[in-house]
Every structure is written in C-alpha cells, then in structure tokens.
Amino acid sequence: MTIKKLGMRHILTICLASALLSGCESSAISNDGSPISKKTIEKRPNFVWLVSEDNSKRYLKLYNAKSAEMPNIESLAKQGLVFNNAFSNSPVCSTARTTLALGAYPAKLAMEYHRPFERINLPRELSTISDYLTKAGYYTSNDAKEDYNFVSPESNWSSSKKGASWHNRKAGQPFFHMRTWKTTHEESYTFLKVI
C-alpha cells in the first residue's frame, strides 16, 4: 500500500508509534516475542489515555474557566500532554473510538456508521495503536470499552475488561492504559428513561 493510499491519519499513527519507539535499540523491538532489553524498556514513556464519551471540552474547567472543576484531571494535565486543538472524526461514540484506535478516517475503511451490521476486518497493513505498542513490549490495558467498528487484532490488549489496569505488568515494563467513562454518554443525560 502506498503512502498516498494510507491517508494522513494512518501516517500520523505510524509516526506516533515510530516516535514512541525511536530511541529504542533496534534489537529491542520484536514482533516475534523475543526479549526486549531492560535498558530499552526503562526509557520508554507510559501513557494513560482518559476518555469521557460524548463530552465536550466546554464542560471542563481545564478548557473553560466557567465550567466544572475536575481537580484530578487538572492535576494530571499539569504533568502531561493536553490536546487543545483536537477534533473527533465522528459525533458517535463507536465510530469516534474506531478513529482514535486506528488513526484513520473511518469512511476510508467503510467504518463510518455507528455499530454497523458487520464489523470490518482490518487491512493487513493497518492495526491499532494498542496493538503496535503491545508488539513493542508495552503492557496495554483497557478499562473497559472495546466497541469498535472493526474486528480487533488478537494482540490488541494485554488486558481488556472492567477493572483492567497496568498494575499486572512486569516490573519496569512500560504501559499504555485506556480508561473510558460512560456516565457522560449522551443517552445518560439527554433522554428520559421510561419506567
């Protein structure tokens, strides 16, 4: 597949994975399960990816001084990376999650609809950021949403379930953890529940 066919989002995902792994010894990155040196593991960053579904940044004090205070999120933001100019490629949760996981436009892969009739198999050249990191020696955990519009790769997550965390990783192993909250999901506060 040529770069022209991959699209900018896929290229950005590849660049992110490359940037994460750039300083690593060439022998350390192995897709076949061979050992990764301790020196290499220690210099790679950890990632905590927090997702609140169907939420708008205008509701958070981190972005809007008149909005709700979230001291723990604000504290994390002071120590981490904050995206001030990021946009979702879809207003619907499963399609937006698909976009984030792949770094690709869902429409280019026929994954643009919310919960399609059939999940799409990924092209051989494309995988998820968590799969790339798992193969690079990261412990990847997901608490607990995996509602994608594609069939997940087998090595997508080291652990994906309610309550999954990075605490089960090997000592010193870098981690990528994704935590999703559904309490902000639009259906939770927009529609009245019929009793």
N, C-alpha and C. Protein backbone atom coordinates (compact mmCIF):
# COMPACT_ATOMS: atom_id res chain seq x y z
N MET A 1 0.85 -1.17 0.00
CA MET A 1 0.00 0.00 0.00
C MET A 1 0.89 1.23 0.00
N THR A 2 0.59 2.20 -0.84
CA THR A 2 1.42 3.39 -0.92
C THR A 2 1.01 4.39 0.14
N ILE A 3 1.90 5.34 0.44
CA ILE A 3 1.58 6.37 1.42
C ILE A 3 0.38 7.17 0.97
N LYS A 4 0.25 7.41 -0.32
CA LYS A 4 -0.89 8.17 -0.85
C LYS A 4 -2.20 7.48 -0.48
N LYS A 5 -2.25 6.15 -0.52
CA LYS A 5 -3.47 5.41 -0.19
C LYS A 5 -3.71 5.30 1.31
N LEU A 6 -2.66 5.40 2.11
CA LEU A 6 -2.83 5.25 3.56
C LEU A 6 -3.65 6.38 4.17
N GLY A 7 -3.43 7.59 3.76
CA GLY A 7 -4.14 8.72 4.33
C GLY A 7 -3.38 9.31 5.51
N MET A 8 -3.63 10.57 5.78
CA MET A 8 -2.89 11.32 6.79
C MET A 8 -3.05 10.75 8.19
N ARG A 9 -4.23 10.32 8.60
CA ARG A 9 -4.43 9.80 9.96
C ARG A 9 -3.62 8.53 10.20
N HIS A 10 -3.59 7.64 9.21
CA HIS A 10 -2.81 6.42 9.36
C HIS A 10 -1.33 6.76 9.45
N ILE A 11 -0.89 7.72 8.64
CA ILE A 11 0.51 8.14 8.67
C ILE A 11 0.82 8.72 10.05
N LEU A 12 -0.09 9.51 10.62
CA LEU A 12 0.13 10.08 11.95
C LEU A 12 0.23 8.98 13.01
N THR A 13 -0.57 7.93 12.90
CA THR A 13 -0.48 6.82 13.85
C THR A 13 0.87 6.14 13.73
N ILE A 14 1.31 5.91 12.51
CA ILE A 14 2.62 5.30 12.29
C ILE A 14 3.72 6.21 12.86
N CYS A 15 3.59 7.52 12.63
CA CYS A 15 4.58 8.46 13.16
C CYS A 15 4.58 8.45 14.68
N LEU A 16 3.40 8.39 15.30
CA LEU A 16 3.31 8.33 16.76
C LEU A 16 4.01 7.08 17.27
N ALA A 17 3.70 5.94 16.67
CA ALA A 17 4.34 4.69 17.09
C ALA A 17 5.84 4.77 16.87
N SER A 18 6.27 5.35 15.76
CA SER A 18 7.70 5.48 15.49
C SER A 18 8.36 6.40 16.50
N ALA A 19 7.68 7.50 16.84
CA ALA A 19 8.25 8.44 17.81
C ALA A 19 8.38 7.78 19.17
N LEU A 20 7.37 6.99 19.54
CA LEU A 20 7.42 6.31 20.83
C LEU A 20 8.60 5.35 20.90
N LEU A 21 8.88 4.75 19.78
CA LEU A 21 9.89 3.70 19.76
C LEU A 21 11.24 4.20 19.27
N SER A 22 11.34 5.46 18.84
CA SER A 22 12.60 5.95 18.27
C SER A 22 13.76 5.96 19.21
N GLY A 23 14.35 5.98 19.86
CA GLY A 23 15.36 5.89 20.87
C GLY A 23 15.58 4.50 21.36
N CYS A 24 14.79 3.55 20.90
CA CYS A 24 14.94 2.17 21.34
C CYS A 24 16.03 1.49 20.52
N GLU A 25 16.69 0.53 21.13
CA GLU A 25 17.68 -0.24 20.40
C GLU A 25 16.96 -1.05 19.32
N SER A 26 17.59 -1.22 18.17
CA SER A 26 16.92 -1.91 17.07
C SER A 26 16.57 -3.35 17.43
N SER A 27 17.36 -3.98 18.27
CA SER A 27 17.08 -5.37 18.63
C SER A 27 15.97 -5.48 19.68
N ALA A 28 15.57 -4.35 20.27
CA ALA A 28 14.60 -4.39 21.34
C ALA A 28 13.18 -4.57 20.83
N ILE A 29 12.88 -4.10 19.64
CA ILE A 29 11.53 -4.16 19.12
C ILE A 29 11.37 -5.47 18.36
N SER A 30 10.48 -6.30 18.86
CA SER A 30 10.32 -7.59 18.24
C SER A 30 8.86 -7.97 18.18
N ASN A 31 8.40 -8.30 16.98
CA ASN A 31 7.03 -8.77 16.83
C ASN A 31 6.91 -10.27 17.06
N ASP A 32 8.06 -10.95 17.19
CA ASP A 32 8.01 -12.40 17.35
C ASP A 32 8.13 -12.85 18.81
N GLY A 33 8.10 -11.89 19.74
CA GLY A 33 8.13 -12.24 21.15
C GLY A 33 9.52 -12.38 21.73
N SER A 34 10.56 -12.06 20.98
CA SER A 34 11.91 -12.16 21.53
C SER A 34 12.11 -11.08 22.61
N PRO A 35 13.05 -11.30 23.54
CA PRO A 35 13.22 -10.41 24.70
C PRO A 35 13.53 -8.97 24.30
N ILE A 36 13.08 -8.06 25.14
CA ILE A 36 13.36 -6.64 24.98
C ILE A 36 14.22 -6.24 26.16
N SER A 37 15.32 -5.55 25.90
CA SER A 37 16.26 -5.23 26.97
C SER A 37 15.66 -4.31 28.01
N LYS A 38 16.10 -4.45 29.25
CA LYS A 38 15.62 -3.63 30.36
C LYS A 38 15.95 -2.16 30.11
N LYS A 39 17.12 -1.89 29.55
CA LYS A 39 17.54 -0.51 29.25
C LYS A 39 16.54 0.15 28.30
N THR A 40 16.11 -0.58 27.30
CA THR A 40 15.15 -0.04 26.34
C THR A 40 13.81 0.21 27.00
N ILE A 41 13.35 -0.72 27.80
CA ILE A 41 12.05 -0.58 28.45
C ILE A 41 12.02 0.63 29.37
N GLU A 42 13.10 0.85 30.12
CA GLU A 42 13.12 1.93 31.10
C GLU A 42 13.04 3.31 30.48
N LYS A 43 13.49 3.48 29.25
CA LYS A 43 13.47 4.83 28.69
C LYS A 43 12.22 5.14 27.87
N ARG A 44 11.27 4.23 27.82
CA ARG A 44 10.04 4.49 27.08
C ARG A 44 8.98 5.07 28.02
N PRO A 45 8.18 6.02 27.53
CA PRO A 45 7.18 6.66 28.39
C PRO A 45 5.96 5.77 28.62
N ASN A 46 5.26 6.03 29.70
CA ASN A 46 3.97 5.40 29.98
C ASN A 46 2.87 6.32 29.46
N PHE A 47 1.72 5.73 29.12
CA PHE A 47 0.59 6.51 28.61
C PHE A 47 -0.67 6.15 29.38
N VAL A 48 -1.40 7.17 29.79
CA VAL A 48 -2.73 6.98 30.37
C VAL A 48 -3.66 7.81 29.49
N TRP A 49 -4.58 7.12 28.81
CA TRP A 49 -5.49 7.77 27.87
C TRP A 49 -6.87 7.76 28.51
N LEU A 50 -7.37 8.94 28.85
CA LEU A 50 -8.66 9.07 29.52
C LEU A 50 -9.71 9.51 28.51
N VAL A 51 -10.83 8.79 28.48
CA VAL A 51 -11.89 9.09 27.52
C VAL A 51 -13.21 9.24 28.27
N SER A 52 -13.88 10.36 28.07
CA SER A 52 -15.25 10.50 28.57
C SER A 52 -16.13 10.67 27.34
N GLU A 53 -17.03 9.73 27.17
CA GLU A 53 -17.80 9.68 25.93
C GLU A 53 -18.80 10.82 25.80
N ASP A 54 -18.95 11.26 24.57
CA ASP A 54 -19.91 12.30 24.20
C ASP A 54 -19.78 13.55 25.07
N ASN A 55 -18.57 13.84 25.48
CA ASN A 55 -18.32 15.00 26.32
C ASN A 55 -17.75 16.12 25.46
N SER A 56 -17.99 17.33 25.86
CA SER A 56 -17.46 18.47 25.14
C SER A 56 -16.46 19.18 26.03
N LYS A 57 -15.40 19.68 25.45
CA LYS A 57 -14.40 20.37 26.25
C LYS A 57 -14.97 21.62 26.92
N ARG A 58 -16.05 22.15 26.40
CA ARG A 58 -16.63 23.35 27.01
C ARG A 58 -17.22 23.07 28.39
N TYR A 59 -17.38 21.80 28.75
CA TYR A 59 -17.91 21.45 30.07
C TYR A 59 -16.82 21.31 31.13
N LEU A 60 -15.55 21.37 30.73
CA LEU A 60 -14.44 21.12 31.64
C LEU A 60 -13.67 22.40 31.95
N LYS A 61 -13.39 22.64 33.23
CA LYS A 61 -12.66 23.84 33.63
C LYS A 61 -11.26 23.89 33.01
N LEU A 62 -10.69 22.75 32.72
CA LEU A 62 -9.39 22.69 32.08
C LEU A 62 -9.37 23.53 30.79
N TYR A 63 -10.50 23.59 30.10
CA TYR A 63 -10.60 24.33 28.84
C TYR A 63 -11.45 25.59 28.93
N ASN A 64 -12.30 25.67 29.94
CA ASN A 64 -13.24 26.79 30.04
C ASN A 64 -13.37 27.17 31.52
N ALA A 65 -12.91 28.34 31.88
CA ALA A 65 -12.86 28.77 33.28
C ALA A 65 -14.23 28.74 33.98
N LYS A 66 -15.32 28.81 33.23
CA LYS A 66 -16.66 28.83 33.83
C LYS A 66 -17.28 27.44 33.97
N SER A 67 -16.54 26.41 33.63
CA SER A 67 -17.10 25.06 33.63
C SER A 67 -16.74 24.28 34.89
N ALA A 68 -17.11 23.02 34.90
CA ALA A 68 -16.97 22.16 36.08
C ALA A 68 -15.50 21.92 36.44
N GLU A 69 -15.24 22.01 37.74
CA GLU A 69 -13.89 21.73 38.24
C GLU A 69 -13.67 20.22 38.28
N MET A 70 -12.51 19.82 37.87
CA MET A 70 -12.10 18.41 37.93
C MET A 70 -10.65 18.41 38.39
N PRO A 71 -10.43 18.55 39.71
CA PRO A 71 -9.06 18.73 40.22
C PRO A 71 -8.09 17.62 39.84
N ASN A 72 -8.53 16.37 39.80
CA ASN A 72 -7.62 15.29 39.43
C ASN A 72 -7.20 15.38 37.97
N ILE A 73 -8.15 15.69 37.11
CA ILE A 73 -7.83 15.85 35.68
C ILE A 73 -6.92 17.05 35.49
N GLU A 74 -7.21 18.15 36.19
CA GLU A 74 -6.38 19.36 36.07
C GLU A 74 -4.97 19.10 36.57
N SER A 75 -4.83 18.31 37.62
CA SER A 75 -3.51 17.95 38.15
C SER A 75 -2.74 17.10 37.15
N LEU A 76 -3.42 16.10 36.56
CA LEU A 76 -2.77 15.28 35.54
C LEU A 76 -2.33 16.13 34.35
N ALA A 77 -3.17 17.10 33.99
CA ALA A 77 -2.88 17.94 32.83
C ALA A 77 -1.59 18.75 33.03
N LYS A 78 -1.33 19.16 34.28
CA LYS A 78 -0.12 19.93 34.56
C LYS A 78 1.14 19.10 34.33
N GLN A 79 1.01 17.78 34.47
CA GLN A 79 2.17 16.89 34.34
C GLN A 79 2.23 16.17 33.00
N GLY A 80 1.18 16.30 32.19
CA GLY A 80 1.10 15.50 30.97
C GLY A 80 0.89 16.33 29.73
N LEU A 81 0.39 15.67 28.72
CA LEU A 81 0.13 16.26 27.42
C LEU A 81 -1.36 16.55 27.29
N VAL A 82 -1.70 17.78 26.95
CA VAL A 82 -3.09 18.19 26.78
C VAL A 82 -3.29 18.60 25.33
N PHE A 83 -4.35 18.08 24.72
CA PHE A 83 -4.67 18.44 23.35
C PHE A 83 -5.66 19.60 23.35
N ASN A 84 -5.23 20.74 22.82
CA ASN A 84 -6.08 21.93 22.78
C ASN A 84 -6.77 22.13 21.45
N ASN A 85 -6.35 21.41 20.44
CA ASN A 85 -6.90 21.60 19.11
C ASN A 85 -7.10 20.24 18.44
N ALA A 86 -7.82 19.36 19.10
CA ALA A 86 -8.08 18.02 18.57
C ALA A 86 -9.57 17.87 18.30
N PHE A 87 -9.91 17.18 17.25
CA PHE A 87 -11.30 17.04 16.86
C PHE A 87 -11.63 15.59 16.60
N SER A 88 -12.85 15.22 16.93
CA SER A 88 -13.32 13.88 16.64
C SER A 88 -13.76 13.81 15.18
N ASN A 89 -13.53 12.68 14.56
CA ASN A 89 -13.97 12.49 13.18
C ASN A 89 -15.39 11.99 13.10
N SER A 90 -16.04 11.86 14.24
CA SER A 90 -17.41 11.40 14.26
C SER A 90 -18.08 11.85 15.55
N PRO A 91 -19.35 12.23 15.48
CA PRO A 91 -20.07 12.60 16.70
C PRO A 91 -20.67 11.39 17.42
N VAL A 92 -20.40 10.19 16.94
CA VAL A 92 -20.98 8.98 17.51
C VAL A 92 -19.86 8.16 18.16
N CYS A 93 -20.12 7.63 19.35
CA CYS A 93 -19.08 7.01 20.18
C CYS A 93 -18.31 5.88 19.51
N SER A 94 -18.97 4.87 18.96
CA SER A 94 -18.24 3.72 18.41
C SER A 94 -17.37 4.12 17.22
N THR A 95 -17.87 5.02 16.40
CA THR A 95 -17.10 5.47 15.24
C THR A 95 -15.94 6.37 15.67
N ALA A 96 -16.17 7.22 16.66
CA ALA A 96 -15.08 8.06 17.18
C ALA A 96 -14.00 7.19 17.82
N ARG A 97 -14.40 6.17 18.56
CA ARG A 97 -13.45 5.25 19.20
C ARG A 97 -12.64 4.51 18.14
N THR A 98 -13.30 4.11 17.05
CA THR A 98 -12.63 3.44 15.94
C THR A 98 -11.56 4.35 15.36
N THR A 99 -11.90 5.62 15.14
CA THR A 99 -10.96 6.60 14.60
C THR A 99 -9.75 6.76 15.51
N LEU A 100 -9.99 6.88 16.82
CA LEU A 100 -8.88 7.04 17.76
C LEU A 100 -7.99 5.80 17.80
N ALA A 101 -8.59 4.64 17.77
CA ALA A 101 -7.82 3.39 17.86
C ALA A 101 -6.93 3.17 16.65
N LEU A 102 -7.40 3.59 15.48
CA LEU A 102 -6.68 3.32 14.23
C LEU A 102 -5.87 4.50 13.71
N GLY A 103 -6.27 5.71 14.07
CA GLY A 103 -5.63 6.87 13.46
C GLY A 103 -5.97 6.97 11.99
N ALA A 104 -7.16 6.53 11.62
CA ALA A 104 -7.58 6.54 10.22
C ALA A 104 -9.01 7.08 10.12
N TYR A 105 -9.33 7.66 9.00
CA TYR A 105 -10.70 8.11 8.78
C TYR A 105 -11.59 6.89 8.57
N PRO A 106 -12.64 6.73 9.36
CA PRO A 106 -13.49 5.55 9.24
C PRO A 106 -14.11 5.39 7.85
N ALA A 107 -14.46 6.49 7.21
CA ALA A 107 -15.10 6.41 5.89
C ALA A 107 -14.18 5.77 4.85
N LYS A 108 -12.88 5.96 4.98
CA LYS A 108 -11.93 5.35 4.03
C LYS A 108 -11.90 3.83 4.16
N LEU A 109 -12.34 3.33 5.33
CA LEU A 109 -12.31 1.89 5.59
C LEU A 109 -13.72 1.30 5.70
N ALA A 110 -14.73 2.06 5.33
CA ALA A 110 -16.14 1.65 5.42
C ALA A 110 -16.54 1.35 6.86
N MET A 111 -16.08 2.18 7.80
CA MET A 111 -16.40 2.01 9.22
C MET A 111 -17.06 3.25 9.81
N GLU A 112 -17.69 4.03 8.97
CA GLU A 112 -18.20 5.32 9.43
C GLU A 112 -19.55 5.28 10.14
N TYR A 113 -20.20 4.15 10.17
CA TYR A 113 -21.53 4.08 10.78
C TYR A 113 -21.48 3.52 12.19
N HIS A 114 -22.34 4.02 13.02
CA HIS A 114 -22.41 3.58 14.41
C HIS A 114 -22.92 2.14 14.47
N ARG A 115 -22.11 1.27 15.06
CA ARG A 115 -22.44 -0.14 15.23
C ARG A 115 -23.00 -0.75 13.93
N PRO A 116 -22.13 -0.96 12.97
CA PRO A 116 -22.58 -1.49 11.68
C PRO A 116 -23.10 -2.92 11.81
N PHE A 117 -23.78 -3.36 10.78
CA PHE A 117 -24.32 -4.73 10.74
C PHE A 117 -23.21 -5.75 10.91
N GLU A 118 -22.08 -5.46 10.31
CA GLU A 118 -20.94 -6.38 10.38
C GLU A 118 -19.67 -5.58 10.62
N ARG A 119 -18.83 -6.06 11.54
CA ARG A 119 -17.54 -5.40 11.78
C ARG A 119 -16.58 -5.74 10.65
N ILE A 120 -15.74 -4.78 10.31
CA ILE A 120 -14.83 -4.89 9.18
C ILE A 120 -13.50 -5.51 9.64
N ASN A 121 -12.95 -6.41 8.82
CA ASN A 121 -11.60 -6.92 9.07
C ASN A 121 -10.61 -5.84 8.64
N LEU A 122 -9.61 -5.60 9.46
CA LEU A 122 -8.62 -4.57 9.14
C LEU A 122 -7.74 -5.01 7.99
N PRO A 123 -7.34 -4.06 7.13
CA PRO A 123 -6.36 -4.39 6.10
C PRO A 123 -5.07 -4.87 6.77
N ARG A 124 -4.34 -5.73 6.12
CA ARG A 124 -3.11 -6.30 6.68
C ARG A 124 -2.13 -5.22 7.11
N GLU A 125 -2.11 -4.09 6.42
CA GLU A 125 -1.14 -3.02 6.69
C GLU A 125 -1.55 -2.13 7.85
N LEU A 126 -2.70 -2.34 8.43
CA LEU A 126 -3.23 -1.43 9.45
C LEU A 126 -3.55 -2.17 10.73
N SER A 127 -3.20 -1.55 11.85
CA SER A 127 -3.57 -2.10 13.15
C SER A 127 -3.84 -0.95 14.11
N THR A 128 -4.09 -1.28 15.35
CA THR A 128 -4.41 -0.27 16.36
C THR A 128 -3.14 0.18 17.07
N ILE A 129 -3.20 1.37 17.66
CA ILE A 129 -2.05 1.88 18.42
C ILE A 129 -1.74 0.93 19.57
N SER A 130 -2.76 0.36 20.21
CA SER A 130 -2.50 -0.57 21.32
C SER A 130 -1.84 -1.85 20.82
N ASP A 131 -2.19 -2.31 19.64
CA ASP A 131 -1.56 -3.50 19.07
C ASP A 131 -0.08 -3.22 18.76
N TYR A 132 0.20 -2.06 18.15
CA TYR A 132 1.59 -1.69 17.87
C TYR A 132 2.41 -1.64 19.16
N LEU A 133 1.82 -1.05 20.21
CA LEU A 133 2.54 -0.92 21.48
C LEU A 133 2.70 -2.27 22.18
N THR A 134 1.69 -3.13 22.10
CA THR A 134 1.80 -4.47 22.68
C THR A 134 2.96 -5.22 22.03
N LYS A 135 3.03 -5.16 20.72
CA LYS A 135 4.10 -5.84 19.99
C LYS A 135 5.47 -5.23 20.27
N ALA A 136 5.49 -3.99 20.75
CA ALA A 136 6.75 -3.32 21.07
C ALA A 136 7.14 -3.51 22.53
N GLY A 137 6.41 -4.37 23.25
CA GLY A 137 6.79 -4.68 24.62
C GLY A 137 6.02 -3.95 25.70
N TYR A 138 5.07 -3.12 25.32
CA TYR A 138 4.25 -2.41 26.30
C TYR A 138 3.19 -3.35 26.88
N TYR A 139 2.81 -3.10 28.12
CA TYR A 139 1.64 -3.75 28.70
C TYR A 139 0.48 -2.81 28.39
N THR A 140 -0.50 -3.30 27.67
CA THR A 140 -1.62 -2.45 27.26
C THR A 140 -2.89 -2.91 27.96
N SER A 141 -3.57 -1.97 28.60
CA SER A 141 -4.78 -2.31 29.33
C SER A 141 -5.90 -1.35 28.96
N ASN A 142 -7.11 -1.88 29.00
CA ASN A 142 -8.29 -1.12 28.60
C ASN A 142 -9.41 -1.38 29.60
N ASP A 143 -9.83 -0.35 30.27
CA ASP A 143 -10.93 -0.44 31.23
C ASP A 143 -12.08 0.41 30.68
N ALA A 144 -12.98 -0.11 29.97
CA ALA A 144 -13.25 -1.45 29.55
C ALA A 144 -14.00 -1.43 28.24
N LYS A 145 -13.94 -0.39 27.48
CA LYS A 145 -14.77 -0.27 26.29
C LYS A 145 -14.02 -0.70 25.04
N GLU A 146 -14.58 -1.65 24.30
CA GLU A 146 -14.00 -2.12 23.04
C GLU A 146 -15.06 -2.17 21.96
N ASP A 147 -15.90 -1.21 21.93
CA ASP A 147 -16.98 -1.15 20.95
C ASP A 147 -16.46 -0.46 19.69
N TYR A 148 -15.73 -1.23 18.86
CA TYR A 148 -15.15 -0.71 17.63
C TYR A 148 -15.98 -1.17 16.43
N ASN A 149 -15.73 -0.54 15.30
CA ASN A 149 -16.40 -0.94 14.05
C ASN A 149 -15.52 -1.88 13.24
N PHE A 150 -14.55 -2.49 13.87
CA PHE A 150 -13.66 -3.43 13.19
C PHE A 150 -13.43 -4.65 14.09
N VAL A 151 -12.94 -5.71 13.49
CA VAL A 151 -12.58 -6.90 14.24
C VAL A 151 -11.21 -6.62 14.86
N SER A 152 -11.13 -6.68 16.19
CA SER A 152 -9.88 -6.36 16.89
C SER A 152 -8.81 -7.40 16.65
N PRO A 153 -7.55 -6.96 16.51
CA PRO A 153 -6.45 -7.91 16.41
C PRO A 153 -6.33 -8.71 17.71
N GLU A 154 -5.82 -9.93 17.62
CA GLU A 154 -5.69 -10.77 18.81
C GLU A 154 -4.83 -10.14 19.88
N SER A 155 -3.77 -9.46 19.48
CA SER A 155 -2.86 -8.85 20.45
C SER A 155 -3.20 -7.40 20.73
N ASN A 156 -4.47 -7.02 20.51
CA ASN A 156 -4.87 -5.63 20.69
C ASN A 156 -4.61 -5.12 22.10
N TRP A 157 -4.93 -5.92 23.11
CA TRP A 157 -4.74 -5.52 24.51
C TRP A 157 -4.11 -6.66 25.30
N SER A 158 -3.25 -6.31 26.24
CA SER A 158 -2.74 -7.31 27.18
C SER A 158 -3.87 -7.71 28.13
N SER A 159 -4.71 -6.72 28.50
CA SER A 159 -5.87 -6.96 29.35
C SER A 159 -6.95 -5.95 28.99
N SER A 160 -8.15 -6.44 28.72
CA SER A 160 -9.26 -5.56 28.40
C SER A 160 -10.51 -6.10 29.07
N LYS A 161 -10.90 -5.45 30.16
CA LYS A 161 -12.08 -5.86 30.91
C LYS A 161 -12.37 -4.78 31.94
N LYS A 162 -13.53 -4.86 32.55
CA LYS A 162 -13.86 -3.90 33.61
C LYS A 162 -12.86 -4.06 34.73
N GLY A 163 -12.24 -2.98 35.12
CA GLY A 163 -11.25 -3.01 36.18
C GLY A 163 -9.83 -3.28 35.72
N ALA A 164 -9.61 -3.46 34.41
CA ALA A 164 -8.25 -3.71 33.92
C ALA A 164 -7.36 -2.52 34.25
N SER A 165 -6.10 -2.80 34.59
CA SER A 165 -5.15 -1.72 34.86
C SER A 165 -3.74 -2.16 34.50
N TRP A 166 -2.82 -1.25 34.61
CA TRP A 166 -1.42 -1.52 34.31
C TRP A 166 -0.70 -2.22 35.45
N HIS A 167 -1.35 -2.42 36.57
CA HIS A 167 -0.70 -3.00 37.75
C HIS A 167 -0.27 -4.45 37.54
N ASN A 168 -0.81 -5.13 36.55
CA ASN A 168 -0.44 -6.53 36.30
C ASN A 168 0.77 -6.69 35.40
N ARG A 169 1.38 -5.61 35.00
CA ARG A 169 2.53 -5.70 34.09
C ARG A 169 3.77 -6.19 34.84
N LYS A 170 4.77 -6.57 34.07
CA LYS A 170 6.04 -6.99 34.65
C LYS A 170 6.74 -5.76 35.24
N ALA A 171 7.55 -5.96 36.25
CA ALA A 171 8.27 -4.85 36.89
C ALA A 171 9.07 -4.08 35.85
N GLY A 172 8.89 -2.76 35.82
CA GLY A 172 9.62 -1.91 34.90
C GLY A 172 9.09 -1.85 33.49
N GLN A 173 8.09 -2.66 33.16
CA GLN A 173 7.54 -2.69 31.80
C GLN A 173 6.73 -1.42 31.55
N PRO A 174 6.95 -0.73 30.42
CA PRO A 174 6.15 0.46 30.12
C PRO A 174 4.70 0.05 29.84
N PHE A 175 3.78 1.00 30.03
CA PHE A 175 2.37 0.66 29.82
C PHE A 175 1.63 1.73 29.04
N PHE A 176 0.56 1.28 28.43
CA PHE A 176 -0.43 2.14 27.77
C PHE A 176 -1.77 1.72 28.35
N HIS A 177 -2.43 2.65 29.06
CA HIS A 177 -3.72 2.32 29.69
C HIS A 177 -4.79 3.26 29.17
N MET A 178 -5.91 2.69 28.80
CA MET A 178 -7.05 3.48 28.35
C MET A 178 -8.20 3.26 29.31
N ARG A 179 -8.77 4.36 29.79
CA ARG A 179 -9.90 4.30 30.72
C ARG A 179 -11.04 5.10 30.12
N THR A 180 -12.21 4.48 30.00
CA THR A 180 -13.37 5.12 29.40
C THR A 180 -14.50 5.23 30.43
N TRP A 181 -15.07 6.42 30.51
CA TRP A 181 -16.26 6.63 31.36
C TRP A 181 -17.47 6.80 30.46
N LYS A 182 -18.54 6.11 30.82
CA LYS A 182 -19.77 6.19 30.02
C LYS A 182 -20.80 7.11 30.67
N THR A 183 -20.53 7.62 31.86
CA THR A 183 -21.52 8.45 32.54
C THR A 183 -21.81 9.74 31.80
N THR A 184 -20.89 10.17 30.94
CA THR A 184 -21.13 11.38 30.14
C THR A 184 -21.76 11.05 28.80
N HIS A 185 -22.01 9.78 28.56
CA HIS A 185 -22.60 9.35 27.29
C HIS A 185 -23.93 10.08 27.10
N GLU A 186 -24.17 10.55 25.91
CA GLU A 186 -25.34 11.40 25.64
C GLU A 186 -26.64 10.79 26.12
N GLU A 187 -26.81 9.50 25.92
CA GLU A 187 -28.07 8.86 26.33
C GLU A 187 -28.28 8.93 27.83
N SER A 188 -27.22 9.12 28.61
CA SER A 188 -27.32 9.17 30.06
C SER A 188 -27.95 10.45 30.57
N TYR A 189 -27.88 11.52 29.79
CA TYR A 189 -28.42 12.77 30.29
C TYR A 189 -29.38 13.48 29.34
N THR A 190 -29.55 13.01 28.13
CA THR A 190 -30.43 13.69 27.17
C THR A 190 -31.82 13.10 27.15
N PHE A 191 -31.91 11.77 27.19
CA PHE A 191 -33.20 11.13 27.02
C PHE A 191 -33.76 10.66 28.35
N LEU A 192 -35.05 10.87 28.55
CA LEU A 192 -35.71 10.40 29.76
C LEU A 192 -35.91 8.90 29.66
N LYS A 193 -35.70 8.23 30.76
CA LYS A 193 -35.93 6.79 30.77
C LYS A 193 -37.39 6.53 31.14
N VAL A 194 -38.03 5.66 30.39
CA VAL A 194 -39.41 5.31 30.64
C VAL A 194 -39.44 4.17 31.65
N ILE A 195 -40.21 4.35 32.69
CA ILE A 195 -40.32 3.33 33.74
C ILE A 195 -41.52 2.47 33.50
